[in-house]
């Protein structure tokens, strides 16, 4: 396996996502139910998917470019969903704190 800048950045991304996964699982016991709890569960699933996706991308140097583009497109798509859920979660928290 060739170690280059792409590999180093990819490994750093995987490491950060594993930290994120640990944090999202650790904080789960502090999250209540309702809309916040549901959003938190979806965020946890997305963090798992991102960690898996980042890990897989490190080993896909031999696949065709078109397949790699599809995989990256899915990662970006789920990233957009993650941002949407995060914003809605923060909005829900602000709304509950304001009530």
PDB file of N, CA and C in Angstrom:
ATOM      1  N   UNK A   1       0.847  -1.168   0.000  1.00  0.00           N
ATOM      2  CA  UNK A   1       0.000   0.000   0.000  1.00  0.00           C
ATOM      3  C   UNK A   1       0.900   1.241   0.000  1.00  0.00           C
ATOM      4  N   UNK A   2       0.600   2.166  -0.889  1.00  0.00           N
ATOM      5  CA  UNK A   2       1.381   3.375  -1.071  1.00  0.00           C
ATOM      6  C   UNK A   2       0.933   4.451  -0.078  1.00  0.00           C
ATOM      7  N   UNK A   3       1.872   4.922   0.744  1.00  0.00           N
ATOM      8  CA  UNK A   3       1.541   5.972   1.708  1.00  0.00           C
ATOM      9  C   UNK A   3       1.823   7.325   1.058  1.00  0.00           C
ATOM     10  N   UNK A   4       0.765   8.099   0.856  1.00  0.00           N
ATOM     11  CA  UNK A   4       0.887   9.423   0.268  1.00  0.00           C
ATOM     12  C   UNK A   4      -0.018  10.384   1.031  1.00  0.00           C
ATOM     13  N   UNK A   5      -0.138  11.594   0.546  1.00  0.00           N
ATOM     14  CA  UNK A   5      -0.948  12.600   1.228  1.00  0.00           C
ATOM     15  C   UNK A   5      -2.404  12.160   1.345  1.00  0.00           C
ATOM     16  N   UNK A   6      -2.929  11.536   0.295  1.00  0.00           N
ATOM     17  CA  UNK A   6      -4.318  11.070   0.324  1.00  0.00           C
ATOM     18  C   UNK A   6      -4.509  10.033   1.430  1.00  0.00           C
ATOM     19  N   UNK A   7      -3.552   9.126   1.580  1.00  0.00           N
ATOM     20  CA  UNK A   7      -3.634   8.097   2.619  1.00  0.00           C
ATOM     21  C   UNK A   7      -3.554   8.733   4.012  1.00  0.00           C
ATOM     22  N   UNK A   8      -2.674   9.695   4.184  1.00  0.00           N
ATOM     23  CA  UNK A   8      -2.520  10.342   5.489  1.00  0.00           C
ATOM     24  C   UNK A   8      -3.786  11.100   5.873  1.00  0.00           C
ATOM     25  N   UNK A   9      -4.333  11.871   4.927  1.00  0.00           N
ATOM     26  CA  UNK A   9      -5.569  12.608   5.199  1.00  0.00           C
ATOM     27  C   UNK A   9      -6.715  11.636   5.463  1.00  0.00           C
ATOM     28  N   UNK A  10      -6.776  10.549   4.691  1.00  0.00           N
ATOM     29  CA  UNK A  10      -7.821   9.539   4.891  1.00  0.00           C
ATOM     30  C   UNK A  10      -7.736   8.891   6.263  1.00  0.00           C
ATOM     31  N   UNK A  11      -6.530   8.548   6.685  1.00  0.00           N
ATOM     32  CA  UNK A  11      -6.359   7.959   8.016  1.00  0.00           C
ATOM     33  C   UNK A  11      -6.737   8.951   9.112  1.00  0.00           C
ATOM     34  N   UNK A  12      -6.382  10.213   8.923  1.00  0.00           N
ATOM     35  CA  UNK A  12      -6.771  11.241   9.896  1.00  0.00           C
ATOM     36  C   UNK A  12      -8.287  11.361   9.963  1.00  0.00           C
ATOM     37  N   UNK A  13      -8.948  11.301   8.802  1.00  0.00           N
ATOM     38  CA  UNK A  13     -10.415  11.385   8.768  1.00  0.00           C
ATOM     39  C   UNK A  13     -11.044  10.200   9.496  1.00  0.00           C
ATOM     40  N   UNK A  14     -10.512   9.002   9.269  1.00  0.00           N
ATOM     41  CA  UNK A  14     -11.030   7.814   9.956  1.00  0.00           C
ATOM     42  C   UNK A  14     -10.838   7.965  11.461  1.00  0.00           C
ATOM     43  N   UNK A  15      -9.681   8.411  11.884  1.00  0.00           N
ATOM     44  CA  UNK A  15      -9.401   8.597  13.306  1.00  0.00           C
ATOM     45  C   UNK A  15     -10.381   9.587  13.934  1.00  0.00           C
ATOM     46  N   UNK A  16     -10.606  10.708  13.271  1.00  0.00           N
ATOM     47  CA  UNK A  16     -11.544  11.711  13.785  1.00  0.00           C
ATOM     48  C   UNK A  16     -12.963  11.159  13.830  1.00  0.00           C
ATOM     49  N   UNK A  17     -13.360  10.401  12.809  1.00  0.00           N
ATOM     50  CA  UNK A  17     -14.711   9.826  12.807  1.00  0.00           C
ATOM     51  C   UNK A  17     -14.871   8.801  13.925  1.00  0.00           C
ATOM     52  N   UNK A  18     -13.821   8.059  14.245  1.00  0.00           N
ATOM     53  CA  UNK A  18     -13.909   7.115  15.362  1.00  0.00           C
ATOM     54  C   UNK A  18     -14.041   7.861  16.688  1.00  0.00           C
ATOM     55  N   UNK A  19     -13.355   8.993  16.825  1.00  0.00           N
ATOM     56  CA  UNK A  19     -13.536   9.834  18.017  1.00  0.00           C
ATOM     57  C   UNK A  19     -14.974  10.336  18.077  1.00  0.00           C
ATOM     58  N   UNK A  20     -15.488  10.800  16.932  1.00  0.00           N
ATOM     59  CA  UNK A  20     -16.878  11.262  16.873  1.00  0.00           C
ATOM     60  C   UNK A  20     -17.845  10.153  17.261  1.00  0.00           C
ATOM     61  N   UNK A  21     -17.582   8.949  16.770  1.00  0.00           N
ATOM     62  CA  UNK A  21     -18.449   7.811  17.086  1.00  0.00           C
ATOM     63  C   UNK A  21     -18.433   7.528  18.583  1.00  0.00           C
ATOM     64  N   UNK A  22     -17.255   7.546  19.183  1.00  0.00           N
ATOM     65  CA  UNK A  22     -17.155   7.340  20.625  1.00  0.00           C
ATOM     66  C   UNK A  22     -17.955   8.404  21.378  1.00  0.00           C
ATOM     67  N   UNK A  23     -17.825   9.659  20.950  1.00  0.00           N
ATOM     68  CA  UNK A  23     -18.534  10.746  21.626  1.00  0.00           C
ATOM     69  C   UNK A  23     -20.041  10.626  21.464  1.00  0.00           C
ATOM     70  N   UNK A  24     -20.501  10.318  20.255  1.00  0.00           N
ATOM     71  CA  UNK A  24     -21.944  10.250  20.022  1.00  0.00           C
ATOM     72  C   UNK A  24     -22.564   9.094  20.810  1.00  0.00           C
ATOM     73  N   UNK A  25     -21.829   8.000  20.954  1.00  0.00           N
ATOM     74  CA  UNK A  25     -22.335   6.867  21.739  1.00  0.00           C
ATOM     75  C   UNK A  25     -22.272   7.193  23.234  1.00  0.00           C
ATOM     76  N   UNK A  26     -21.196   7.842  23.672  1.00  0.00           N
ATOM     77  CA  UNK A  26     -21.057   8.203  25.088  1.00  0.00           C
ATOM     78  C   UNK A  26     -22.131   9.182  25.542  1.00  0.00           C
ATOM     79  N   UNK A  27     -22.499  10.113  24.677  1.00  0.00           N
ATOM     80  CA  UNK A  27     -23.487  11.124  25.037  1.00  0.00           C
ATOM     81  C   UNK A  27     -24.919  10.622  24.932  1.00  0.00           C
ATOM     82  N   UNK A  28     -25.138   9.467  24.348  1.00  0.00           N
ATOM     83  CA  UNK A  28     -26.493   8.951  24.128  1.00  0.00           C
ATOM     84  C   UNK A  28     -27.271   8.822  25.431  1.00  0.00           C
ATOM     85  N   UNK A  29     -26.608   8.436  26.501  1.00  0.00           N
ATOM     86  CA  UNK A  29     -27.321   8.260  27.774  1.00  0.00           C
ATOM     87  C   UNK A  29     -27.821   9.589  28.341  1.00  0.00           C
ATOM     88  N   UNK A  30     -27.280  10.704  27.866  1.00  0.00           N
ATOM     89  CA  UNK A  30     -27.701  12.024  28.342  1.00  0.00           C
ATOM     90  C   UNK A  30     -28.786  12.650  27.478  1.00  0.00           C
ATOM     91  N   UNK A  31     -29.128  11.978  26.395  1.00  0.00           N
ATOM     92  CA  UNK A  31     -30.131  12.510  25.468  1.00  0.00           C
ATOM     93  C   UNK A  31     -31.474  11.885  25.800  1.00  0.00           C
ATOM     94  N   UNK A  32     -32.471  12.714  25.924  1.00  0.00           N
ATOM     95  CA  UNK A  32     -33.811  12.217  26.222  1.00  0.00           C
ATOM     96  C   UNK A  32     -34.461  11.596  24.994  1.00  0.00           C
ATOM     97  N   UNK A  33     -35.740  11.437  25.083  1.00  0.00           N
ATOM     98  CA  UNK A  33     -36.489  10.877  23.967  1.00  0.00           C
ATOM     99  C   UNK A  33     -37.016  11.974  23.072  1.00  0.00           C
ATOM    100  N   UNK A  34     -38.114  11.706  22.443  1.00  0.00           N
ATOM    101  CA  UNK A  34     -38.761  12.692  21.586  1.00  0.00           C
ATOM    102  C   UNK A  34     -37.971  12.971  20.331  1.00  0.00           C
ATOM    103  N   UNK A  35     -38.130  14.181  19.827  1.00  0.00           N
ATOM    104  CA  UNK A  35     -37.477  14.570  18.584  1.00  0.00           C
ATOM    105  C   UNK A  35     -35.958  14.581  18.729  1.00  0.00           C
ATOM    106  N   UNK A  36     -35.456  15.019  19.870  1.00  0.00           N
ATOM    107  CA  UNK A  36     -34.016  15.070  20.091  1.00  0.00           C
ATOM    108  C   UNK A  36     -33.431  13.660  20.104  1.00  0.00           C
ATOM    109  N   UNK A  37     -34.072  12.742  20.816  1.00  0.00           N
ATOM    110  CA  UNK A  37     -33.597  11.361  20.867  1.00  0.00           C
ATOM    111  C   UNK A  37     -33.621  10.690  19.507  1.00  0.00           C
ATOM    112  N   UNK A  38     -34.679  10.924  18.753  1.00  0.00           N
ATOM    113  CA  UNK A  38     -34.789  10.345  17.409  1.00  0.00           C
ATOM    114  C   UNK A  38     -33.693  10.896  16.502  1.00  0.00           C
ATOM    115  N   UNK A  39     -33.480  12.210  16.556  1.00  0.00           N
ATOM    116  CA  UNK A  39     -32.428  12.826  15.750  1.00  0.00           C
ATOM    117  C   UNK A  39     -31.056  12.303  16.158  1.00  0.00           C
ATOM    118  N   UNK A  40     -30.868  12.100  17.452  1.00  0.00           N
ATOM    119  CA  UNK A  40     -29.582  11.597  17.934  1.00  0.00           C
ATOM    120  C   UNK A  40     -29.324  10.188  17.411  1.00  0.00           C
ATOM    121  N   UNK A  41     -30.344   9.352  17.385  1.00  0.00           N
ATOM    122  CA  UNK A  41     -30.182   7.998  16.856  1.00  0.00           C
ATOM    123  C   UNK A  41     -29.817   8.024  15.375  1.00  0.00           C
ATOM    124  N   UNK A  42     -30.447   8.903  14.618  1.00  0.00           N
ATOM    125  CA  UNK A  42     -30.133   9.016  13.194  1.00  0.00           C
ATOM    126  C   UNK A  42     -28.712   9.535  13.017  1.00  0.00           C
ATOM    127  N   UNK A  43     -28.318  10.510  13.837  1.00  0.00           N
ATOM    128  CA  UNK A  43     -26.948  11.020  13.769  1.00  0.00           C
ATOM    129  C   UNK A  43     -25.939   9.925  14.089  1.00  0.00           C
ATOM    130  N   UNK A  44     -26.248   9.086  15.060  1.00  0.00           N
ATOM    131  CA  UNK A  44     -25.357   7.982  15.402  1.00  0.00           C
ATOM    132  C   UNK A  44     -25.189   7.045  14.218  1.00  0.00           C
ATOM    133  N   UNK A  45     -26.288   6.704  13.567  1.00  0.00           N
ATOM    134  CA  UNK A  45     -26.227   5.844  12.383  1.00  0.00           C
ATOM    135  C   UNK A  45     -25.385   6.486  11.284  1.00  0.00           C
ATOM    136  N   UNK A  46     -25.555   7.775  11.067  1.00  0.00           N
ATOM    137  CA  UNK A  46     -24.782   8.458  10.032  1.00  0.00           C
ATOM    138  C   UNK A  46     -23.297   8.511  10.376  1.00  0.00           C
ATOM    139  N   UNK A  47     -22.957   8.691  11.641  1.00  0.00           N
ATOM    140  CA  UNK A  47     -21.549   8.673  12.040  1.00  0.00           C
ATOM    141  C   UNK A  47     -20.952   7.292  11.783  1.00  0.00           C
ATOM    142  N   UNK A  48     -21.705   6.237  12.070  1.00  0.00           N
ATOM    143  CA  UNK A  48     -21.241   4.873  11.778  1.00  0.00           C
ATOM    144  C   UNK A  48     -21.016   4.714  10.276  1.00  0.00           C
ATOM    145  N   UNK A  49     -21.967   5.195   9.478  1.00  0.00           N
ATOM    146  CA  UNK A  49     -21.839   5.085   8.021  1.00  0.00           C
ATOM    147  C   UNK A  49     -20.632   5.879   7.514  1.00  0.00           C
ATOM    148  N   UNK A  50     -20.415   7.078   8.045  1.00  0.00           N
ATOM    149  CA  UNK A  50     -19.255   7.872   7.643  1.00  0.00           C
ATOM    150  C   UNK A  50     -17.953   7.172   8.015  1.00  0.00           C
ATOM    151  N   UNK A  51     -17.865   6.662   9.226  1.00  0.00           N
ATOM    152  CA  UNK A  51     -16.648   5.971   9.654  1.00  0.00           C
ATOM    153  C   UNK A  51     -16.366   4.779   8.743  1.00  0.00           C
ATOM    154  N   UNK A  52     -17.405   4.020   8.412  1.00  0.00           N
ATOM    155  CA  UNK A  52     -17.237   2.880   7.508  1.00  0.00           C
ATOM    156  C   UNK A  52     -16.842   3.351   6.113  1.00  0.00           C
ATOM    157  N   UNK A  53     -17.507   4.384   5.628  1.00  0.00           N
ATOM    158  CA  UNK A  53     -17.201   4.903   4.296  1.00  0.00           C
ATOM    159  C   UNK A  53     -15.782   5.430   4.194  1.00  0.00           C
ATOM    160  N   UNK A  54     -15.344   6.172   5.195  1.00  0.00           N
ATOM    161  CA  UNK A  54     -13.981   6.692   5.186  1.00  0.00           C
ATOM    162  C   UNK A  54     -12.974   5.545   5.237  1.00  0.00           C
ATOM    163  N   UNK A  55     -13.262   4.524   6.039  1.00  0.00           N
ATOM    164  CA  UNK A  55     -12.361   3.377   6.144  1.00  0.00           C
ATOM    165  C   UNK A  55     -12.255   2.633   4.819  1.00  0.00           C
ATOM    166  N   UNK A  56     -13.378   2.460   4.154  1.00  0.00           N
ATOM    167  CA  UNK A  56     -13.395   1.737   2.881  1.00  0.00           C
ATOM    168  C   UNK A  56     -12.643   2.509   1.801  1.00  0.00           C
ATOM    169  N   UNK A  57     -12.798   3.823   1.773  1.00  0.00           N
ATOM    170  CA  UNK A  57     -12.153   4.626   0.732  1.00  0.00           C
ATOM    171  C   UNK A  57     -10.636   4.487   0.739  1.00  0.00           C
ATOM    172  N   UNK A  58     -10.049   4.195   1.885  1.00  0.00           N
ATOM    173  CA  UNK A  58      -8.597   4.045   1.956  1.00  0.00           C
ATOM    174  C   UNK A  58      -8.098   2.877   1.115  1.00  0.00           C
ATOM    175  N   UNK A  59      -8.962   1.890   0.882  1.00  0.00           N
ATOM    176  CA  UNK A  59      -8.538   0.676   0.197  1.00  0.00           C
ATOM    177  C   UNK A  59      -9.108   0.556  -1.211  1.00  0.00           C
ATOM    178  N   UNK A  60      -9.632   1.627  -1.752  1.00  0.00           N
ATOM    179  CA  UNK A  60     -10.297   1.558  -3.046  1.00  0.00           C
ATOM    180  C   UNK A  60      -9.473   2.135  -4.187  1.00  0.00           C
ATOM    181  N   UNK A  61      -8.164   2.156  -4.052  1.00  0.00           N
ATOM    182  CA  UNK A  61      -7.308   2.730  -5.087  1.00  0.00           C
ATOM    183  C   UNK A  61      -7.352   1.930  -6.386  1.00  0.00           C
ATOM    184  N   UNK A  62      -7.766   0.684  -6.315  1.00  0.00           N
ATOM    185  CA  UNK A  62      -7.739  -0.167  -7.510  1.00  0.00           C
ATOM    186  C   UNK A  62      -9.072  -0.232  -8.245  1.00  0.00           C
ATOM    187  N   UNK A  63     -10.100   0.416  -7.736  1.00  0.00           N
ATOM    188  CA  UNK A  63     -11.397   0.328  -8.404  1.00  0.00           C
ATOM    189  C   UNK A  63     -11.493   1.383  -9.506  1.00  0.00           C
ATOM    190  N   UNK A  64     -12.401   1.176 -10.452  1.00  0.00           N
ATOM    191  CA  UNK A  64     -12.560   2.152 -11.541  1.00  0.00           C
ATOM    192  C   UNK A  64     -12.979   3.525 -11.009  1.00  0.00           C
ATOM    193  N   UNK A  65     -12.568   4.552 -11.716  1.00  0.00           N
ATOM    194  CA  UNK A  65     -12.839   5.925 -11.302  1.00  0.00           C
ATOM    195  C   UNK A  65     -14.341   6.183 -11.206  1.00  0.00           C
ATOM    196  N   UNK A  66     -15.120   5.645 -12.132  1.00  0.00           N
ATOM    197  CA  UNK A  66     -16.568   5.880 -12.115  1.00  0.00           C
ATOM    198  C   UNK A  66     -17.204   5.314 -10.842  1.00  0.00           C
ATOM    199  N   UNK A  67     -16.775   4.145 -10.417  1.00  0.00           N
ATOM    200  CA  UNK A  67     -17.289   3.551  -9.179  1.00  0.00           C
ATOM    201  C   UNK A  67     -16.892   4.405  -7.981  1.00  0.00           C
ATOM    202  N   UNK A  68     -15.659   4.872  -7.979  1.00  0.00           N
ATOM    203  CA  UNK A  68     -15.194   5.732  -6.893  1.00  0.00           C
ATOM    204  C   UNK A  68     -15.997   7.028  -6.843  1.00  0.00           C
ATOM    205  N   UNK A  69     -16.328   7.585  -7.990  1.00  0.00           N
ATOM    206  CA  UNK A  69     -17.136   8.809  -8.036  1.00  0.00           C
ATOM    207  C   UNK A  69     -18.525   8.569  -7.451  1.00  0.00           C
ATOM    208  N   UNK A  70     -19.100   7.408  -7.721  1.00  0.00           N
ATOM    209  CA  UNK A  70     -20.418   7.074  -7.161  1.00  0.00           C
ATOM    210  C   UNK A  70     -20.335   6.985  -5.638  1.00  0.00           C
ATOM    211  N   UNK A  71     -19.302   6.317  -5.140  1.00  0.00           N
ATOM    212  CA  UNK A  71     -19.133   6.171  -3.694  1.00  0.00           C
ATOM    213  C   UNK A  71     -18.964   7.537  -3.035  1.00  0.00           C
ATOM    214  N   UNK A  72     -18.130   8.384  -3.623  1.00  0.00           N
ATOM    215  CA  UNK A  72     -17.919   9.728  -3.074  1.00  0.00           C
ATOM    216  C   UNK A  72     -19.222  10.524  -3.112  1.00  0.00           C
ATOM    217  N   UNK A  73     -20.002  10.359  -4.180  1.00  0.00           N
ATOM    218  CA  UNK A  73     -21.295  11.051  -4.273  1.00  0.00           C
ATOM    219  C   UNK A  73     -22.216  10.645  -3.133  1.00  0.00           C
ATOM    220  N   UNK A  74     -22.246   9.348  -2.798  1.00  0.00           N
ATOM    221  CA  UNK A  74     -23.071   8.895  -1.680  1.00  0.00           C
ATOM    222  C   UNK A  74     -22.571   9.468  -0.355  1.00  0.00           C
ATOM    223  N   UNK A  75     -21.263   9.516  -0.174  1.00  0.00           N
ATOM    224  CA  UNK A  75     -20.719  10.088   1.055  1.00  0.00           C
ATOM    225  C   UNK A  75     -21.117  11.555   1.172  1.00  0.00           C
ATOM    226  N   UNK A  76     -21.038  12.293   0.069  1.00  0.00           N
ATOM    227  CA  UNK A  76     -21.445  13.699   0.090  1.00  0.00           C
ATOM    228  C   UNK A  76     -22.940  13.840   0.346  1.00  0.00           C
ATOM    229  N   UNK A  77     -23.745  12.957  -0.249  1.00  0.00           N
ATOM    230  CA  UNK A  77     -25.193  12.988  -0.046  1.00  0.00           C
ATOM    231  C   UNK A  77     -25.541  12.773   1.425  1.00  0.00           C
ATOM    232  N   UNK A  78     -24.947  11.737   2.027  1.00  0.00           N
ATOM    233  CA  UNK A  78     -25.227  11.476   3.435  1.00  0.00           C
ATOM    234  C   UNK A  78     -24.624  12.557   4.331  1.00  0.00           C
ATOM    235  N   UNK A  79     -23.559  13.211   3.879  1.00  0.00           N
ATOM    236  CA  UNK A  79     -23.025  14.354   4.610  1.00  0.00           C
ATOM    237  C   UNK A  79     -24.019  15.496   4.656  1.00  0.00           C
ATOM    238  N   UNK A  80     -24.704  15.717   3.536  1.00  0.00           N
ATOM    239  CA  UNK A  80     -25.735  16.758   3.494  1.00  0.00           C
ATOM    240  C   UNK A  80     -26.883  16.414   4.437  1.00  0.00           C
ATOM    241  N   UNK A  81     -27.268  15.141   4.477  1.00  0.00           N
ATOM    242  CA  UNK A  81     -28.320  14.708   5.404  1.00  0.00           C
ATOM    243  C   UNK A  81     -27.857  14.908   6.847  1.00  0.00           C
ATOM    244  N   UNK A  82     -26.601  14.593   7.113  1.00  0.00           N
ATOM    245  CA  UNK A  82     -26.052  14.770   8.455  1.00  0.00           C
ATOM    246  C   UNK A  82     -26.137  16.230   8.897  1.00  0.00           C
ATOM    247  N   UNK A  83     -25.764  17.128   8.012  1.00  0.00           N
ATOM    248  CA  UNK A  83     -25.829  18.555   8.339  1.00  0.00           C
ATOM    249  C   UNK A  83     -27.274  18.972   8.600  1.00  0.00           C
ATOM    250  N   UNK A  84     -28.197  18.505   7.772  1.00  0.00           N
ATOM    251  CA  UNK A  84     -29.614  18.824   7.956  1.00  0.00           C
ATOM    252  C   UNK A  84     -30.112  18.351   9.318  1.00  0.00           C
ATOM    253  N   UNK A  85     -29.793  17.117   9.677  1.00  0.00           N
ATOM    254  CA  UNK A  85     -30.237  16.567  10.960  1.00  0.00           C
ATOM    255  C   UNK A  85     -29.589  17.322  12.117  1.00  0.00           C
ATOM    256  N   UNK A  86     -28.323  17.675  11.971  1.00  0.00           N
ATOM    257  CA  UNK A  86     -27.640  18.424  13.024  1.00  0.00           C
ATOM    258  C   UNK A  86     -28.297  19.780  13.248  1.00  0.00           C
ATOM    259  N   UNK A  87     -28.612  20.468  12.164  1.00  0.00           N
ATOM    260  CA  UNK A  87     -29.271  21.774  12.290  1.00  0.00           C
ATOM    261  C   UNK A  87     -30.643  21.622  12.935  1.00  0.00           C
ATOM    262  N   UNK A  88     -31.404  20.609  12.518  1.00  0.00           N
ATOM    263  CA  UNK A  88     -32.728  20.387  13.109  1.00  0.00           C
ATOM    264  C   UNK A  88     -32.613  20.017  14.582  1.00  0.00           C
ATOM    265  N   UNK A  89     -31.588  19.234  14.933  1.00  0.00           N
ATOM    266  CA  UNK A  89     -31.372  18.859  16.326  1.00  0.00           C
ATOM    267  C   UNK A  89     -31.058  20.094  17.167  1.00  0.00           C
ATOM    268  N   UNK A  90     -30.181  20.931  16.674  1.00  0.00           N
ATOM    269  CA  UNK A  90     -29.843  22.156  17.402  1.00  0.00           C
ATOM    270  C   UNK A  90     -31.068  23.053  17.527  1.00  0.00           C
ATOM    271  N   UNK A  91     -31.855  23.155  16.464  1.00  0.00           N
ATOM    272  CA  UNK A  91     -33.084  23.947  16.517  1.00  0.00           C
ATOM    273  C   UNK A  91     -34.032  23.389  17.583  1.00  0.00           C
ATOM    274  N   UNK A  92     -34.172  22.052  17.622  1.00  0.00           N
ATOM    275  CA  UNK A  92     -35.037  21.426  18.622  1.00  0.00           C
ATOM    276  C   UNK A  92     -34.569  21.697  20.036  1.00  0.00           C
ATOM    277  N   UNK A  93     -33.264  21.668  20.241  1.00  0.00           N
ATOM    278  CA  UNK A  93     -32.713  21.945  21.569  1.00  0.00           C
ATOM    279  C   UNK A  93     -32.968  23.399  21.954  1.00  0.00           C
ATOM    280  N   UNK A  94     -32.723  24.307  21.027  1.00  0.00           N
ATOM    281  CA  UNK A  94     -32.972  25.729  21.299  1.00  0.00           C
ATOM    282  C   UNK A  94     -34.448  25.960  21.600  1.00  0.00           C
ATOM    283  N   UNK A  95     -35.321  25.318  20.849  1.00  0.00           N
ATOM    284  CA  UNK A  95     -36.766  25.468  21.051  1.00  0.00           C
ATOM    285  C   UNK A  95     -37.173  24.959  22.434  1.00  0.00           C
ATOM    286  N   UNK A  96     -36.628  23.796  22.849  1.00  0.00           N
ATOM    287  CA  UNK A  96     -36.961  23.250  24.165  1.00  0.00           C
ATOM    288  C   UNK A  96     -36.409  24.124  25.288  1.00  0.00           C
ATOM    289  N   UNK A  97     -35.220  24.677  25.099  1.00  0.00           N
ATOM    290  CA  UNK A  97     -34.641  25.536  26.129  1.00  0.00           C
ATOM    291  C   UNK A  97     -35.377  26.868  26.235  1.00  0.00           C
ATOM    292  N   UNK A  98     -35.958  27.315  25.137  1.00  0.00           N
ATOM    293  CA  UNK A  98     -36.691  28.586  25.129  1.00  0.00           C
ATOM    294  C   UNK A  98     -38.077  28.464  25.735  1.00  0.00           C
ATOM    295  N   UNK A  99     -38.600  27.242  25.789  1.00  0.00           N
ATOM    296  CA  UNK A  99     -39.976  27.036  26.286  1.00  0.00           C
ATOM    297  C   UNK A  99     -40.068  27.169  27.786  1.00  0.00           C
TER     298      UNK A  99
END
